[in-house]
Amino acid sequence: MSSTAPWWRSAVIYQVYIRSFADGNGDGVGDIAGIRSRLPYLKSLGVDAIWINPWYKSPMADHGYDVADFREIDPQFGTVAEAEELIEEAHQYGLRVIPDIVPNHTSDQHKWFRAALSDPPGGPERDRYIFRDGRGPEGAEPPNDWRSVFGGPAWTRVPDGQWYLHLFAPEQPDLNWEHPEVRAEFEDILRFWFSRGVDGFRIDVAHGLIKHPELPDLPPRVDPDGPPPRERVAHPHWDRDEVHDIYRAWRRVADEFPGDRSFVAEAWAETPERLAAYVRRDGLHTTFNFDFLMASWGSKQLRAVIDDSLATLGSVGAPATWVLSNHDVARPPSRFGRDQSKKWVANERFRPEGPLDLELGVRRARAAALLMLSLPGGAYIYQGEELGLPEVEDLPDDVLQDPMWERSEHTDRGRDGCRVPIPWSGETAPFGFSPEGATGEPWLPQPANWKEHSVEIQTGDDASMLELYRSALHLRRAHPALGEGSLTWWDAPEGVLAFNRDPDFACVVNFSAEPYRLPQQHKVLLASRQLDDGYLAPDAAVWLAL
């Protein structure tokens, strides 16, 4: 990749779920001080940037995704001054900083929403949100049949009889992005943080924001076994074309600042073509590749996703980004260690089901890491992924905090299992997550076997997941073939994916049940499993120098 290309086209970005990364003040909740203390670790790991989940002032109904003030840091995480110091220190380590931005909704404690509740129906303060009269006798039924992502109806009634829209929790009222004040406010928020040195933003629910002006009922669900629809029916509140006007304006704001400031969209779209619309040349810079994340373990599925992603994103001049996990999905060893005949889909991503072969899951997760980090474009690593952490599936009911648990009437355990504070050192909890002598317990309990996964125990162990990631990231940084570019597939037997990247690099992944004989003339750079006399074992990957 050319050294003059923008950094974000090939960056490896490490996701910091701030509550669970490192606790600097001993209260059991991660914070900015904790992140600052671990910057040397992130530098040694070999990543290029950190994405930090919301750190803004919040009542924490959805752990920070319900923002009360976008220009303040929540006191449990620190202060704006500490955030500025973190940004400066990260830059000294050569790490860029990308905070979350949450534009679809605010907290119900935001000053705008409190003013809206004090205003009568039809008052101007309500126009910044989506208030409507109800249906049925005395307006006692919600305005339409929309459902909350967290379960239950997407509408809550206020004492004066009107209803407000919340596509997530009731504590997260949706903003009205047709209102000019909303658009101006968020452009100002972007400038506030850009001027403090942040290098970009991850945009939460980037496919939301715009709703059909008439708020119609949801369209009928398409029968998966029936004929495909003749034409696309636009969803009334997801991935509407008008959302791109907002991001074109945001791109102009980013371009006001030096240093290749960038955005990454959390955008769920029906097709790669719909996804590519977010990253056209005058729009956002990159978008998460959820098709790759949700693909089952198999050569055909993954090759199709890789080909589609590279072709579609490349057609608009955007790089692909690859991701295996994040704070919303079950961790890779626990996904890959289960039956792969059924494709994971969005509304099932939080619920690992069926017997788990964790050993198998770890082998596949190691191979998947080498595949991901050798593909053209950028990549995201979720904290603890480099430690091989499995999903914590046995959290007691009484400690679950994800709003999905309550909103689903205790039928969906939510996402807490991938959010347990990560282990750094020691034999017992909090495993170095909190400082020595801390009085606060970790906000979610850590399993006793977390000690086997700690940074301390894995450091220097060449067979560990951590050292595999560290080696791969340092090779990726050093090798001229890796990062942005193209790939060329090899002819390989069924169940094997193999490709080369110029100059002089190849990746081979064996999804089959039989060992695969590697070309003898190539030098092994890195392997997810030990090779046996030149054979690549099943569920393994290798990097080769050609």
Protein backbone atom coordinates (compact mmCIF):
# COMPACT_ATOMS: atom_id res chain seq x y z
CA MET A 1 0.00 0.00 0.00
CA SER A 2 1.22 3.49 -0.76
CA SER A 3 2.44 5.36 2.32
CA THR A 4 0.52 8.41 1.09
CA ALA A 5 -2.85 6.65 1.23
CA PRO A 6 -5.16 7.66 4.09
CA TRP A 7 -4.50 5.63 7.23
CA TRP A 8 -8.07 4.36 7.51
CA ARG A 9 -7.91 2.42 4.24
CA SER A 10 -5.81 -0.32 5.82
CA ALA A 11 -5.94 0.28 9.59
CA VAL A 12 -6.40 -2.41 12.23
CA ILE A 13 -8.66 -0.81 14.83
CA TYR A 14 -9.05 -2.21 18.35
CA GLN A 15 -12.47 -1.85 19.94
CA VAL A 16 -12.45 -0.71 23.56
CA TYR A 17 -15.70 -1.45 25.35
CA ILE A 18 -14.84 1.08 28.01
CA ARG A 19 -16.78 -0.48 30.92
CA SER A 20 -14.92 -3.77 30.53
CA PHE A 21 -11.42 -2.89 29.32
CA ALA A 22 -9.52 -1.57 32.35
CA ASP A 23 -10.64 0.01 35.63
CA GLY A 24 -8.31 2.80 36.72
CA ASN A 25 -10.04 4.00 39.90
CA GLY A 26 -11.06 0.68 41.47
CA ASP A 27 -14.84 1.04 41.33
CA GLY A 28 -15.31 -2.07 39.17
CA VAL A 29 -16.14 -0.15 35.98
CA GLY A 30 -13.62 0.54 33.21
CA ASP A 31 -12.71 4.15 32.57
CA ILE A 32 -10.44 6.56 30.71
CA ALA A 33 -7.70 6.17 33.33
CA GLY A 34 -7.78 2.43 32.67
CA ILE A 35 -7.42 2.93 28.91
CA ARG A 36 -4.47 5.27 29.45
CA SER A 37 -2.74 2.70 31.63
CA ARG A 38 -2.99 0.09 28.86
CA LEU A 39 -1.81 2.18 25.90
CA PRO A 40 1.62 0.46 26.01
CA TYR A 41 -0.14 -2.89 25.64
CA LEU A 42 -2.11 -1.69 22.63
CA LYS A 43 1.05 -0.31 21.05
CA SER A 44 2.88 -3.62 21.60
CA LEU A 45 -0.06 -5.55 20.18
CA GLY A 46 0.43 -3.75 16.88
CA VAL A 47 -2.93 -2.06 16.22
CA ASP A 48 -3.26 1.32 14.52
CA ALA A 49 -6.21 2.89 16.35
CA ILE A 50 -8.74 2.40 19.11
CA TRP A 51 -12.50 2.74 18.83
CA ILE A 52 -14.08 3.60 22.17
CA ASN A 53 -17.72 2.79 22.89
CA PRO A 54 -19.78 5.74 24.19
CA TRP A 55 -18.11 7.64 27.01
CA TYR A 56 -20.62 10.50 27.12
CA LYS A 57 -22.74 11.57 30.08
CA SER A 58 -25.53 9.01 30.39
CA PRO A 59 -27.99 7.43 32.84
CA MET A 60 -26.66 4.09 31.48
CA ALA A 61 -30.01 2.54 30.61
CA ASP A 62 -28.15 0.99 27.66
CA HIS A 63 -24.60 1.33 28.98
CA GLY A 64 -23.90 4.66 27.36
CA TYR A 65 -25.90 4.36 24.16
CA ASP A 66 -28.50 6.58 25.84
CA VAL A 67 -26.64 9.90 25.76
CA ALA A 68 -27.73 12.82 27.95
CA ASP A 69 -24.94 15.19 26.89
CA PHE A 70 -22.64 14.59 23.90
CA ARG A 71 -20.16 17.25 25.04
CA GLU A 72 -19.56 15.80 28.51
CA ILE A 73 -17.84 12.60 29.64
CA ASP A 74 -19.80 10.50 32.09
CA PRO A 75 -18.31 10.90 35.60
CA GLN A 76 -17.84 7.15 36.02
CA PHE A 77 -15.50 7.23 33.01
CA GLY A 78 -13.69 10.52 33.66
CA THR A 79 -13.77 14.08 32.37
CA VAL A 80 -13.37 15.91 29.07
CA ALA A 81 -9.90 16.98 30.24
CA GLU A 82 -8.97 13.31 30.79
CA ALA A 83 -10.34 12.44 27.36
CA GLU A 84 -8.14 15.14 25.83
CA GLU A 85 -5.12 13.74 27.69
CA LEU A 86 -5.94 10.23 26.46
CA ILE A 87 -6.14 11.45 22.86
CA GLU A 88 -2.79 13.22 23.18
CA GLU A 89 -1.09 10.22 24.81
CA ALA A 90 -2.53 7.81 22.26
CA HIS A 91 -1.15 9.98 19.47
CA GLN A 92 2.28 9.88 21.14
CA TYR A 93 2.07 6.07 20.93
CA GLY A 94 1.11 6.31 17.27
CA LEU A 95 -2.49 5.28 18.00
CA ARG A 96 -5.51 7.10 16.61
CA VAL A 97 -8.71 7.52 18.61
CA ILE A 98 -12.24 7.00 17.30
CA PRO A 99 -15.12 7.50 19.75
CA ASP A 100 -18.66 6.34 19.15
CA ILE A 101 -21.35 8.81 18.06
CA VAL A 102 -25.02 7.92 18.66
CA PRO A 103 -27.21 9.96 16.29
CA ASN A 104 -30.40 7.89 16.10
CA HIS A 105 -31.58 8.71 19.60
CA THR A 106 -30.74 10.46 22.86
CA SER A 107 -31.37 9.61 26.48
CA ASP A 108 -34.78 10.46 27.88
CA GLN A 109 -32.74 12.61 30.30
CA HIS A 110 -31.34 14.79 27.50
CA LYS A 111 -32.36 18.44 27.93
CA TRP A 112 -34.19 18.35 24.61
CA PHE A 113 -36.39 15.44 25.63
CA ARG A 114 -37.13 16.87 29.06
CA ALA A 115 -38.23 20.07 27.30
CA ALA A 116 -40.33 18.01 24.89
CA LEU A 117 -42.20 16.35 27.76
CA SER A 118 -42.89 19.77 29.28
CA ASP A 119 -44.29 21.08 25.99
CA PRO A 120 -47.92 20.38 25.06
CA PRO A 121 -48.81 18.22 22.03
CA GLY A 122 -47.92 20.11 18.86
CA GLY A 123 -45.41 22.31 20.68
CA PRO A 124 -42.08 23.14 19.02
CA GLU A 125 -39.97 21.30 21.63
CA ARG A 126 -41.53 18.02 20.54
CA ASP A 127 -40.54 18.52 16.93
CA ARG A 128 -36.98 17.37 17.61
CA TYR A 129 -38.34 13.90 18.39
CA ILE A 130 -41.09 11.77 16.86
CA PHE A 131 -44.32 12.27 18.80
CA ARG A 132 -47.65 11.15 17.38
CA ASP A 133 -51.23 10.65 18.46
CA GLY A 134 -52.25 7.04 18.96
CA ARG A 135 -54.73 4.92 17.04
CA GLY A 136 -58.00 3.44 18.18
CA PRO A 137 -60.47 4.74 20.76
CA GLU A 138 -58.99 7.73 22.62
CA GLY A 139 -55.64 7.08 20.90
CA ALA A 140 -54.95 4.20 23.24
CA GLU A 141 -53.07 2.11 20.67
CA PRO A 142 -49.57 2.88 19.32
CA PRO A 143 -49.41 4.93 16.10
CA ASN A 144 -48.17 1.91 14.12
CA ASP A 145 -46.90 -1.65 14.54
CA TRP A 146 -43.16 -0.91 14.72
CA ARG A 147 -41.18 -3.04 17.17
CA SER A 148 -38.24 -2.16 19.39
CA VAL A 149 -34.95 -3.91 18.64
CA PHE A 150 -34.84 -4.70 22.35
CA GLY A 151 -38.30 -6.29 22.36
CA GLY A 152 -41.83 -4.97 22.71
CA PRO A 153 -43.48 -2.06 20.89
CA ALA A 154 -41.37 0.85 19.65
CA TRP A 155 -43.75 3.40 21.18
CA THR A 156 -44.30 4.68 24.73
CA ARG A 157 -47.24 6.81 25.78
CA VAL A 158 -46.76 9.98 27.83
CA PRO A 159 -49.31 11.32 30.36
CA ASP A 160 -50.91 13.79 27.92
CA GLY A 161 -51.85 10.89 25.63
CA GLN A 162 -49.30 11.21 22.83
CA TRP A 163 -46.76 8.52 21.99
CA TYR A 164 -43.05 8.85 21.23
CA LEU A 165 -40.93 6.55 19.07
CA HIS A 166 -37.99 4.56 20.42
CA LEU A 167 -36.57 1.87 18.15
CA PHE A 168 -34.50 0.70 21.12
CA ALA A 169 -35.30 1.12 24.83
CA PRO A 170 -38.01 3.56 26.05
CA GLU A 171 -35.14 5.52 27.64
CA GLN A 172 -33.79 6.12 24.11
CA PRO A 173 -36.26 8.34 22.22
CA ASP A 174 -35.58 8.60 18.47
CA LEU A 175 -34.62 11.99 17.10
CA ASN A 176 -36.43 13.61 14.18
CA TRP A 177 -33.71 14.01 11.58
CA GLU A 178 -35.98 16.09 9.35
CA HIS A 179 -35.58 18.89 11.92
CA PRO A 180 -32.81 21.38 10.96
CA GLU A 181 -31.79 21.88 14.60
CA VAL A 182 -31.01 18.18 14.95
CA ARG A 183 -28.76 18.23 11.91
CA ALA A 184 -27.00 21.42 13.00
CA GLU A 185 -26.52 20.12 16.54
CA PHE A 186 -24.76 16.94 15.47
CA GLU A 187 -22.51 18.75 13.04
CA ASP A 188 -21.50 20.98 15.96
CA ILE A 189 -20.88 17.92 18.16
CA LEU A 190 -18.59 16.50 15.50
CA ARG A 191 -16.62 19.74 15.40
CA PHE A 192 -16.43 19.81 19.22
CA TRP A 193 -14.60 16.47 19.31
CA PHE A 194 -12.63 16.88 16.08
CA SER A 195 -11.20 20.08 17.54
CA ARG A 196 -10.06 18.04 20.56
CA GLY A 197 -8.09 15.70 18.36
CA VAL A 198 -10.25 12.65 17.73
CA ASP A 199 -9.43 10.98 14.43
CA GLY A 200 -12.92 9.90 13.43
CA PHE A 201 -16.16 8.42 14.68
CA ARG A 202 -17.92 5.09 14.63
CA ILE A 203 -21.58 5.82 13.83
CA ASP A 204 -24.08 3.80 15.83
CA VAL A 205 -27.18 2.62 13.91
CA ALA A 206 -26.01 4.50 10.83
CA HIS A 207 -28.79 2.87 8.79
CA GLY A 208 -31.46 4.43 11.04
CA LEU A 209 -32.13 8.16 11.49
CA ILE A 210 -34.57 8.70 8.62
CA LYS A 211 -38.14 7.45 8.97
CA HIS A 212 -40.92 7.40 6.38
CA PRO A 213 -42.83 10.67 6.89
CA GLU A 214 -46.17 8.87 7.11
CA LEU A 215 -44.89 6.25 9.60
CA PRO A 216 -46.68 3.36 7.88
CA ASP A 217 -46.99 -0.13 9.34
CA LEU A 218 -44.16 -2.54 8.60
CA PRO A 219 -44.35 -4.27 5.21
CA PRO A 220 -45.29 -7.96 5.13
CA ARG A 221 -42.34 -10.28 5.72
CA VAL A 222 -41.00 -11.98 2.62
CA ASP A 223 -41.48 -15.75 2.59
CA PRO A 224 -37.92 -17.16 2.42
CA ASP A 225 -39.25 -20.18 0.50
CA GLY A 226 -41.34 -18.15 -1.93
CA PRO A 227 -40.41 -16.23 -5.07
CA PRO A 228 -38.25 -13.13 -4.62
CA PRO A 229 -40.10 -9.80 -4.66
CA ARG A 230 -40.23 -8.08 -8.03
CA GLU A 231 -38.80 -4.88 -6.62
CA ARG A 232 -37.34 -3.70 -3.35
CA VAL A 233 -39.84 -2.36 -0.84
CA ALA A 234 -38.16 0.42 1.14
CA HIS A 235 -38.27 -0.22 4.87
CA PRO A 236 -40.12 2.53 6.77
CA HIS A 237 -37.27 3.15 9.23
CA TRP A 238 -34.12 1.24 8.19
CA ASP A 239 -31.67 2.07 5.39
CA ARG A 240 -33.70 4.75 3.69
CA ASP A 241 -32.06 6.59 0.79
CA GLU A 242 -32.46 9.99 2.41
CA VAL A 243 -29.98 9.09 5.17
CA HIS A 244 -27.09 9.67 2.77
CA ASP A 245 -27.79 13.41 2.64
CA ILE A 246 -26.86 13.52 6.33
CA TYR A 247 -23.58 11.72 5.79
CA ARG A 248 -22.59 13.87 2.86
CA ALA A 249 -22.87 16.84 5.22
CA TRP A 250 -20.85 14.99 7.87
CA ARG A 251 -18.15 14.23 5.31
CA ARG A 252 -17.85 17.94 4.63
CA VAL A 253 -17.41 18.56 8.36
CA ALA A 254 -14.65 15.93 8.61
CA ASP A 255 -12.91 17.47 5.61
CA GLU A 256 -12.66 20.79 7.48
CA PHE A 257 -10.02 19.22 9.74
CA PRO A 258 -6.50 18.01 8.87
CA GLY A 259 -5.21 14.47 9.24
CA ASP A 260 -7.61 12.29 7.27
CA ARG A 261 -10.46 12.29 9.83
CA SER A 262 -12.81 9.43 9.06
CA PHE A 263 -16.10 7.70 9.81
CA VAL A 264 -17.03 4.05 10.03
CA ALA A 265 -20.71 3.15 9.74
CA GLU A 266 -22.52 0.52 11.73
CA ALA A 267 -24.94 -0.04 8.87
CA TRP A 268 -27.07 -3.12 8.38
CA ALA A 269 -28.19 -3.37 4.76
CA GLU A 270 -30.02 -5.99 2.72
CA THR A 271 -27.38 -6.32 0.02
CA PRO A 272 -23.73 -5.41 -0.57
CA GLU A 273 -24.97 -2.80 -3.06
CA ARG A 274 -27.09 -1.11 -0.40
CA LEU A 275 -24.12 -1.16 1.97
CA ALA A 276 -21.81 0.38 -0.64
CA ALA A 277 -24.10 3.41 -0.85
CA TYR A 278 -22.82 4.51 2.58
CA VAL A 279 -19.22 4.75 1.39
CA ARG A 280 -19.47 6.50 -1.94
CA ARG A 281 -16.76 9.08 -2.52
CA ASP A 282 -18.76 11.97 -1.07
CA GLY A 283 -20.14 9.94 1.85
CA LEU A 284 -18.67 8.02 4.75
CA HIS A 285 -15.22 6.46 4.58
CA THR A 286 -15.76 2.85 5.67
CA THR A 287 -18.45 0.53 6.97
CA PHE A 288 -18.46 -2.63 9.04
CA ASN A 289 -18.70 -5.85 7.06
CA PHE A 290 -21.41 -7.70 8.93
CA ASP A 291 -21.80 -10.28 6.16
CA PHE A 292 -18.28 -11.48 6.97
CA LEU A 293 -18.95 -11.51 10.70
CA MET A 294 -22.19 -13.48 10.35
CA ALA A 295 -20.89 -16.00 7.80
CA SER A 296 -20.79 -19.62 8.90
CA TRP A 297 -17.45 -21.44 9.02
CA GLY A 298 -17.03 -22.78 5.51
CA SER A 299 -15.02 -22.10 2.37
CA LYS A 300 -17.95 -21.45 0.03
CA GLN A 301 -19.75 -19.05 2.35
CA LEU A 302 -16.66 -17.05 3.22
CA ARG A 303 -15.32 -16.88 -0.32
CA ALA A 304 -18.67 -15.57 -1.55
CA VAL A 305 -18.69 -12.88 1.14
CA ILE A 306 -15.10 -11.90 0.39
CA ASP A 307 -15.71 -11.67 -3.36
CA ASP A 308 -18.95 -9.73 -2.97
CA SER A 309 -17.43 -7.33 -0.46
CA LEU A 310 -14.33 -6.55 -2.49
CA ALA A 311 -16.26 -6.13 -5.73
CA THR A 312 -19.09 -4.01 -4.37
CA LEU A 313 -17.09 -1.74 -2.09
CA GLY A 314 -14.33 -1.46 -4.68
CA SER A 315 -16.87 -0.28 -7.25
CA VAL A 316 -17.34 2.93 -5.23
CA GLY A 317 -13.66 3.31 -4.36
CA ALA A 318 -14.02 2.21 -0.73
CA PRO A 319 -11.84 -0.32 1.10
CA ALA A 320 -13.37 -3.38 2.71
CA THR A 321 -13.22 -3.80 6.47
CA TRP A 322 -13.30 -7.20 8.15
CA VAL A 323 -14.62 -7.98 11.60
CA LEU A 324 -15.10 -11.20 13.60
CA SER A 325 -16.71 -9.86 16.77
CA ASN A 326 -17.89 -6.83 18.70
CA HIS A 327 -19.83 -5.90 21.84
CA ASP A 328 -23.13 -7.04 20.30
CA VAL A 329 -22.35 -10.59 19.16
CA ALA A 330 -21.30 -13.90 20.68
CA ARG A 331 -17.52 -14.31 20.79
CA PRO A 332 -15.90 -16.28 17.93
CA PRO A 333 -14.80 -19.44 19.79
CA SER A 334 -18.37 -19.90 21.01
CA ARG A 335 -19.83 -19.33 17.54
CA PHE A 336 -17.34 -21.42 15.59
CA GLY A 337 -17.47 -24.26 18.12
CA ARG A 338 -21.06 -25.05 17.24
CA ASP A 339 -22.89 -26.57 14.29
CA GLN A 340 -22.24 -24.39 11.25
CA SER A 341 -24.94 -25.73 8.95
CA LYS A 342 -27.25 -22.86 9.83
CA LYS A 343 -26.17 -19.36 8.84
CA TRP A 344 -26.07 -16.88 11.69
CA VAL A 345 -28.44 -14.00 11.04
CA ALA A 346 -28.82 -10.64 12.67
CA ASN A 347 -31.70 -11.36 15.03
CA GLU A 348 -30.02 -14.54 16.31
CA ARG A 349 -26.55 -13.17 16.87
CA PHE A 350 -26.83 -12.96 20.66
CA ARG A 351 -27.97 -16.52 21.32
CA PRO A 352 -25.42 -19.30 20.90
CA GLU A 353 -27.37 -22.55 20.81
CA GLY A 354 -26.58 -26.24 20.68
CA PRO A 355 -23.63 -28.26 21.98
CA LEU A 356 -20.34 -26.38 22.18
CA ASP A 357 -16.96 -27.85 21.27
CA LEU A 358 -14.79 -25.04 22.60
CA GLU A 359 -11.52 -26.65 21.48
CA LEU A 360 -12.83 -26.71 17.92
CA GLY A 361 -14.11 -23.16 18.28
CA VAL A 362 -10.70 -21.91 19.38
CA ARG A 363 -8.95 -23.65 16.46
CA ARG A 364 -11.35 -22.06 14.02
CA ALA A 365 -11.08 -18.66 15.69
CA ARG A 366 -7.29 -18.80 15.31
CA ALA A 367 -7.61 -19.65 11.62
CA ALA A 368 -10.26 -16.97 11.13
CA ALA A 369 -7.93 -14.37 12.62
CA LEU A 370 -5.22 -15.12 10.05
CA LEU A 371 -7.79 -15.07 7.26
CA MET A 372 -9.22 -11.73 8.39
CA LEU A 373 -5.85 -10.04 8.86
CA SER A 374 -4.61 -11.11 5.43
CA LEU A 375 -7.58 -9.79 3.45
CA PRO A 376 -7.38 -6.49 1.53
CA GLY A 377 -8.48 -3.42 3.47
CA GLY A 378 -8.81 -2.80 7.20
CA ALA A 379 -9.86 -4.90 10.19
CA TYR A 380 -11.43 -4.55 13.63
CA ILE A 381 -10.48 -6.48 16.75
CA TYR A 382 -12.83 -6.53 19.73
CA GLN A 383 -11.09 -6.41 23.10
CA GLY A 384 -10.42 -9.94 24.38
CA GLU A 385 -10.66 -11.42 20.89
CA GLU A 386 -6.86 -11.50 20.87
CA LEU A 387 -7.02 -13.49 24.13
CA GLY A 388 -9.35 -16.12 22.68
CA LEU A 389 -12.05 -15.34 25.22
CA PRO A 390 -15.20 -17.44 24.84
CA GLU A 391 -18.72 -16.19 25.44
CA VAL A 392 -19.66 -16.28 29.13
CA GLU A 393 -22.90 -18.24 28.83
CA ASP A 394 -23.58 -19.01 32.50
CA LEU A 395 -23.94 -15.54 34.00
CA PRO A 396 -26.54 -15.70 36.80
CA ASP A 397 -29.89 -14.20 35.89
CA ASP A 398 -29.66 -11.65 38.69
CA VAL A 399 -26.49 -10.02 37.28
CA LEU A 400 -27.71 -9.54 33.71
CA GLN A 401 -27.84 -5.85 32.78
CA ASP A 402 -28.52 -5.73 29.04
CA PRO A 403 -31.95 -4.10 28.49
CA MET A 404 -32.80 -6.98 26.14
CA TRP A 405 -33.17 -9.23 29.18
CA GLU A 406 -36.02 -7.22 30.70
CA ARG A 407 -37.58 -6.06 27.43
CA SER A 408 -37.84 -9.66 26.19
CA GLU A 409 -39.50 -10.75 29.45
CA HIS A 410 -36.44 -12.86 30.26
CA THR A 411 -36.44 -14.86 27.03
CA ASP A 412 -33.34 -13.21 25.49
CA ARG A 413 -30.27 -13.09 27.74
CA GLY A 414 -28.83 -10.29 25.64
CA ARG A 415 -25.23 -9.34 25.09
CA ASP A 416 -23.66 -9.37 28.54
CA GLY A 417 -21.83 -12.63 27.80
CA CYS A 418 -19.39 -10.88 25.45
CA ARG A 419 -19.00 -7.84 27.72
CA VAL A 420 -17.49 -9.42 30.82
CA PRO A 421 -14.39 -7.45 31.96
CA ILE A 422 -11.26 -8.85 30.35
CA PRO A 423 -8.42 -10.51 32.34
CA TRP A 424 -4.98 -8.95 32.54
CA SER A 425 -3.10 -10.80 35.28
CA GLY A 426 -3.29 -12.79 38.49
CA GLU A 427 -4.92 -15.96 39.76
CA THR A 428 -8.26 -14.59 40.99
CA ALA A 429 -10.80 -11.93 40.09
CA PRO A 430 -10.58 -9.13 39.12
CA PHE A 431 -7.56 -10.53 37.21
CA GLY A 432 -5.84 -7.16 36.98
CA PHE A 433 -8.93 -5.46 35.55
CA SER A 434 -9.01 -3.22 38.65
CA PRO A 435 -5.97 -1.93 40.54
CA GLU A 436 -4.55 -3.64 43.62
CA GLY A 437 -6.74 -2.99 46.66
CA ALA A 438 -9.81 -1.99 44.64
CA THR A 439 -13.02 -1.89 46.64
CA GLY A 440 -15.45 -2.33 43.76
CA GLU A 441 -16.32 -5.71 42.25
CA PRO A 442 -16.22 -5.92 38.44
CA TRP A 443 -19.59 -4.80 37.08
CA LEU A 444 -20.09 -8.28 35.62
CA PRO A 445 -18.55 -11.31 37.36
CA GLN A 446 -15.54 -12.93 35.69
CA PRO A 447 -15.31 -16.74 35.43
CA ALA A 448 -12.68 -18.41 37.60
CA ASN A 449 -10.97 -19.80 34.50
CA TRP A 450 -10.33 -16.27 33.22
CA LYS A 451 -6.84 -16.69 34.72
CA GLU A 452 -6.04 -19.11 31.87
CA HIS A 453 -6.79 -16.37 29.34
CA SER A 454 -5.01 -13.40 30.92
CA VAL A 455 -2.55 -11.19 29.09
CA GLU A 456 0.08 -12.11 31.69
CA ILE A 457 -0.24 -15.88 31.23
CA GLN A 458 -0.30 -15.68 27.43
CA THR A 459 2.56 -13.22 26.96
CA GLY A 460 5.62 -15.05 25.69
CA ASP A 461 3.73 -18.29 25.04
CA ASP A 462 4.18 -18.87 21.31
CA ALA A 463 1.18 -21.24 21.27
CA SER A 464 -1.19 -18.66 22.77
CA MET A 465 -3.89 -16.71 20.96
CA LEU A 466 -2.32 -13.44 22.11
CA GLU A 467 1.06 -14.21 20.56
CA LEU A 468 -0.65 -15.37 17.36
CA TYR A 469 -2.41 -12.01 17.07
CA ARG A 470 0.71 -10.09 18.02
CA SER A 471 2.80 -11.93 15.42
CA ALA A 472 0.13 -11.51 12.75
CA LEU A 473 -0.27 -7.80 13.42
CA HIS A 474 3.45 -7.12 13.33
CA LEU A 475 3.86 -9.17 10.14
CA ARG A 476 0.90 -7.33 8.65
CA ARG A 477 2.50 -3.99 9.40
CA ALA A 478 5.86 -5.05 7.98
CA HIS A 479 4.83 -6.99 4.88
CA PRO A 480 4.25 -4.82 1.77
CA ALA A 481 1.56 -7.18 0.45
CA LEU A 482 -0.78 -6.68 3.40
CA GLY A 483 -3.26 -3.89 4.03
CA GLU A 484 -5.11 -2.36 1.13
CA GLY A 485 -4.80 -3.98 -2.30
CA SER A 486 -6.15 -6.98 -4.17
CA LEU A 487 -5.99 -10.76 -4.00
CA THR A 488 -5.81 -13.59 -6.52
CA TRP A 489 -7.43 -16.93 -5.71
CA TRP A 490 -5.52 -20.15 -6.24
CA ASP A 491 -7.03 -23.28 -7.64
CA ALA A 492 -7.57 -25.40 -4.55
CA PRO A 493 -9.61 -28.49 -3.67
CA GLU A 494 -13.09 -28.15 -2.19
CA GLY A 495 -12.92 -27.01 1.40
CA VAL A 496 -9.70 -25.04 0.98
CA LEU A 497 -9.36 -21.29 0.43
CA ALA A 498 -6.01 -20.09 -0.90
CA PHE A 499 -4.98 -16.76 -2.36
CA ASN A 500 -1.89 -14.73 -2.97
CA ARG A 501 -1.25 -11.05 -2.56
CA ASP A 502 1.50 -9.20 -4.32
CA PRO A 503 4.31 -9.13 -3.60
CA ASP A 504 5.19 -12.64 -2.48
CA PHE A 505 2.51 -13.49 0.08
CA ALA A 506 -0.13 -16.20 0.30
CA CYS A 507 -2.78 -17.30 2.79
CA VAL A 508 -4.22 -20.83 2.90
CA VAL A 509 -7.17 -21.87 5.09
CA ASN A 510 -8.27 -25.49 5.40
CA PHE A 511 -11.99 -25.84 6.13
CA SER A 512 -12.08 -29.49 5.10
CA ALA A 513 -11.88 -32.59 7.27
CA GLU A 514 -8.59 -33.76 5.71
CA PRO A 515 -5.04 -32.35 5.93
CA TYR A 516 -4.02 -30.26 2.94
CA ARG A 517 -0.59 -30.61 1.37
CA LEU A 518 1.06 -27.18 1.07
CA PRO A 519 3.33 -26.24 -1.84
CA GLN A 520 6.81 -27.30 -0.74
CA GLN A 521 8.73 -24.39 -2.23
CA HIS A 522 7.10 -21.76 0.00
CA LYS A 523 8.37 -20.53 3.37
CA VAL A 524 5.98 -20.53 6.34
CA LEU A 525 5.60 -17.09 7.93
CA LEU A 526 2.92 -17.92 10.50
CA ALA A 527 0.47 -20.76 11.14
CA SER A 528 -2.57 -21.06 13.37
CA ARG A 529 -1.66 -24.73 14.09
CA GLN A 530 1.60 -26.59 13.90
CA LEU A 531 2.19 -28.08 10.47
CA ASP A 532 2.71 -31.83 10.16
CA ASP A 533 5.37 -32.62 7.56
CA GLY A 534 4.12 -29.89 5.23
CA TYR A 535 0.41 -30.61 5.72
CA LEU A 536 -2.08 -28.01 6.94
CA ALA A 537 -4.47 -29.57 9.45
CA PRO A 538 -8.25 -29.13 9.27
CA ASP A 539 -9.55 -25.84 10.70
CA ALA A 540 -6.17 -24.19 10.32
CA ALA A 541 -4.62 -21.33 8.37
CA VAL A 542 -1.10 -20.46 7.29
CA TRP A 543 0.71 -17.44 5.88
CA LEU A 544 3.37 -18.20 3.27
CA ALA A 545 6.20 -16.28 1.67
CA LEU A 546 6.25 -17.04 -2.05
